[in-house]
Amino acid sequence: MQENLENLNNPDNLDSIDSPGELFLILVEVMKRLRSEEGCIWDREQTHDSIKRNLVEEAYEAVDSIEEKDYQDLKEELGDILLQVVFHSRIAADYDEFDIDDVLRTIIKKLVRRHPHVFSGRAVGSSDEVLANWEDIKKEERKNKSKKNDSMFSNIPRILPALHFAYEIQNRASRLGFDWEGPGGVVEKIKEEVTELEIEIRSRDKDRISDEIGDILFTIVNLSRHTDIDSEKSLKDTCKKFITRFDYMEKYAEENGLDFKNLSLAEKDNLWEIAKRNI
């Protein structure tokens, strides 16, 4: 490995290495060098806080590659995520907090601990039973943590997009049997929430209106979950569709000598219908 590190001025040499373990160790050493006094000034200046957004952004870019089915791009994006793991681990090591070995040890132990049906011979009959066991194990883990917060929702990242956050909350509650029996009941609940929203709109109380809109969104996420639809992707796809149609409207208006901005709402609605027929 030392020879490979010394020849990094020609990264193509890495193509001859077919050991994931060796490649990973080279990545760890590359980051160590970048953070050293002989390395990169920018890399050396970074902290957990200064690069925390990068971790989120890289994850979103990887998800975007998956949605676009661009697997060559996904290969690169997963590398960027792995870089963030190694980067944060190196920063932690520089401050004697933990190192990459601790990270690897921790995740391996967690995987083994949370899969007793694989590593300890516990019998399970279905995926639902696996998930139920998973929640029981996580609850026991929370009791042993210094924060002493044994809520099943305590480790859902608050930085998640709201729709995804709602999904995770509902999904965990469902594992303990608190859930609708099917989509029909959720649809009725949506109708009920819309009626309540209409009442609050007449009251003009913004806080209560906000509460009711939140209830509707939360219930819609429930419906998407029961129909096996990713609400985050569904909304994003609708946003993309809206952008495409709106761009079509503006282009259509320009090509026909119309001042789009000054058209009446009825005229814009007519252009929208044209866009819908064509896109």
Foldseek 3Di string as FASTA:
>chain_A
DVVCLVPVVDVVVCVVDDDPVVVLVSLLVLLLQCLDPNHPPVLVPDACVRCVVVLVVLVVQLVVCVVVVVVVSNVVSVVSNVNVLSSNQSNCVVVVNHHVVVVVVVVVVLVCQLPCVVNVVDDDDDPLRSVLSNLVSVLVVCCVDPVNDSDSLVPDDPPDPPLVSLLVVQVVVVSVPPADPALVVLVVVLVVLVVQLVVVVVVVPVVSNVVSVVVNSSSVSNNCVRVVHRVVVVVVVVVVLVVQLVVQLVVVCVVVVHDVVPDDPVVSVVSSVVSVVVD
